[in-house]
Amino acid sequence: MRFLIIILLFSKVVSQDIGQKMIDNGDYESALNYYKYLLNEENLSKDDIIYNLATIYSSIDSLKKAEEFF
């Protein structure tokens, strides 16, 4: 059981890190697609993913879309 918890936590950290690297590289479209994909993953916290989506949309001046997620 402990191993499963460690794997789930690692998975969450790595998945968020991949999306952040896309953002850092200015690849907002890929980051948006990636975070939208992560919304369907059962073992991840949706709060962080939704916040990241909203932040990306606000960064690319899509304020209406950002409001949907905030």
C-alpha atoms as a PDB file:
ATOM      1  CA  MET A   1       0.000   0.000   0.000  1.00  0.00           C
ATOM      2  CA  ARG A   2       2.782   2.441   0.880  1.00  0.00           C
ATOM      3  CA  PHE A   3       4.427   1.765  -2.482  1.00  0.00           C
ATOM      4  CA  LEU A   4       1.186   2.648  -4.299  1.00  0.00           C
ATOM      5  CA  ILE A   5       0.928   5.938  -2.400  1.00  0.00           C
ATOM      6  CA  ILE A   6       4.525   6.795  -3.293  1.00  0.00           C
ATOM      7  CA  ILE A   7       3.868   5.998  -6.960  1.00  0.00           C
ATOM      8  CA  LEU A   8       0.736   8.170  -6.980  1.00  0.00           C
ATOM      9  CA  LEU A   9       2.544  11.113  -5.385  1.00  0.00           C
ATOM     10  CA  PHE A  10       5.467  10.754  -7.781  1.00  0.00           C
ATOM     11  CA  SER A  11       3.065  10.571 -10.716  1.00  0.00           C
ATOM     12  CA  LYS A  12       1.380  13.802  -9.649  1.00  0.00           C
ATOM     13  CA  VAL A  13       4.655  15.677  -9.247  1.00  0.00           C
ATOM     14  CA  VAL A  14       6.082  14.448 -12.549  1.00  0.00           C
ATOM     15  CA  SER A  15       2.899  15.142 -14.500  1.00  0.00           C
ATOM     16  CA  GLN A  16       2.701  18.706 -13.212  1.00  0.00           C
ATOM     17  CA  ASP A  17       6.399  19.206 -13.940  1.00  0.00           C
ATOM     18  CA  ILE A  18       5.978  18.146 -17.575  1.00  0.00           C
ATOM     19  CA  GLY A  19       3.219  20.706 -18.072  1.00  0.00           C
ATOM     20  CA  GLN A  20       5.298  23.402 -16.417  1.00  0.00           C
ATOM     21  CA  LYS A  21       8.227  22.669 -18.737  1.00  0.00           C
ATOM     22  CA  MET A  22       5.911  23.173 -21.718  1.00  0.00           C
ATOM     23  CA  ILE A  23       4.830  26.529 -20.292  1.00  0.00           C
ATOM     24  CA  ASP A  24       8.441  27.534 -19.609  1.00  0.00           C
ATOM     25  CA  ASN A  25       9.258  26.768 -23.252  1.00  0.00           C
ATOM     26  CA  GLY A  26       6.367  28.948 -24.415  1.00  0.00           C
ATOM     27  CA  ASP A  27       4.448  25.972 -25.799  1.00  0.00           C
ATOM     28  CA  TYR A  28       1.107  27.011 -24.337  1.00  0.00           C
ATOM     29  CA  GLU A  29      -0.987  24.985 -26.786  1.00  0.00           C
ATOM     30  CA  SER A  30       0.741  21.741 -25.811  1.00  0.00           C
ATOM     31  CA  ALA A  31       0.490  22.629 -22.130  1.00  0.00           C
ATOM     32  CA  LEU A  32      -3.239  23.290 -22.476  1.00  0.00           C
ATOM     33  CA  ASN A  33      -3.770  19.979 -24.252  1.00  0.00           C
ATOM     34  CA  TYR A  34      -1.658  18.167 -21.683  1.00  0.00           C
ATOM     35  CA  TYR A  35      -3.487  19.623 -18.671  1.00  0.00           C
ATOM     36  CA  LYS A  36      -6.858  18.914 -20.292  1.00  0.00           C
ATOM     37  CA  TYR A  37      -5.721  15.312 -20.715  1.00  0.00           C
ATOM     38  CA  LEU A  38      -4.706  15.199 -17.041  1.00  0.00           C
ATOM     39  CA  LEU A  39      -8.211  16.287 -16.003  1.00  0.00           C
ATOM     40  CA  ASN A  40      -9.354  12.808 -17.028  1.00  0.00           C
ATOM     41  CA  GLU A  41      -6.800  11.024 -14.855  1.00  0.00           C
ATOM     42  CA  GLU A  42      -8.464   9.590 -11.767  1.00  0.00           C
ATOM     43  CA  ASN A  43      -5.497   9.710  -9.401  1.00  0.00           C
ATOM     44  CA  LEU A  44      -4.570  13.379  -9.778  1.00  0.00           C
ATOM     45  CA  SER A  45      -5.793  16.409  -7.892  1.00  0.00           C
ATOM     46  CA  LYS A  46      -8.053  18.396 -10.179  1.00  0.00           C
ATOM     47  CA  ASP A  47      -7.526  21.654  -8.251  1.00  0.00           C
ATOM     48  CA  ASP A  48      -3.930  22.139  -9.379  1.00  0.00           C
ATOM     49  CA  ILE A  49      -4.711  21.168 -12.949  1.00  0.00           C
ATOM     50  CA  ILE A  50      -7.654  23.556 -13.197  1.00  0.00           C
ATOM     51  CA  TYR A  51      -5.575  26.355 -11.675  1.00  0.00           C
ATOM     52  CA  ASN A  52      -2.809  25.716 -14.215  1.00  0.00           C
ATOM     53  CA  LEU A  53      -5.293  25.810 -17.093  1.00  0.00           C
ATOM     54  CA  ALA A  54      -6.703  29.113 -15.859  1.00  0.00           C
ATOM     55  CA  THR A  55      -3.221  30.560 -15.476  1.00  0.00           C
ATOM     56  CA  ILE A  56      -2.237  29.567 -19.006  1.00  0.00           C
ATOM     57  CA  TYR A  57      -5.388  31.063 -20.483  1.00  0.00           C
ATOM     58  CA  SER A  58      -4.840  34.314 -18.613  1.00  0.00           C
ATOM     59  CA  SER A  59      -1.216  34.383 -19.826  1.00  0.00           C
ATOM     60  CA  ILE A  60      -2.302  34.173 -23.447  1.00  0.00           C
ATOM     61  CA  ASP A  61      -5.009  36.836 -22.982  1.00  0.00           C
ATOM     62  CA  SER A  62      -7.945  34.443 -23.194  1.00  0.00           C
ATOM     63  CA  LEU A  63      -9.640  35.967 -20.194  1.00  0.00           C
ATOM     64  CA  LYS A  64     -13.072  34.475 -20.903  1.00  0.00           C
ATOM     65  CA  LYS A  65     -11.570  30.982 -20.921  1.00  0.00           C
ATOM     66  CA  ALA A  66      -9.512  31.776 -17.810  1.00  0.00           C
ATOM     67  CA  GLU A  67     -12.689  32.834 -15.982  1.00  0.00           C
ATOM     68  CA  GLU A  68     -14.272  29.457 -16.757  1.00  0.00           C
ATOM     69  CA  PHE A  69     -11.471  27.718 -14.866  1.00  0.00           C
ATOM     70  CA  PHE A  70     -10.994  30.265 -12.075  1.00  0.00           C
END
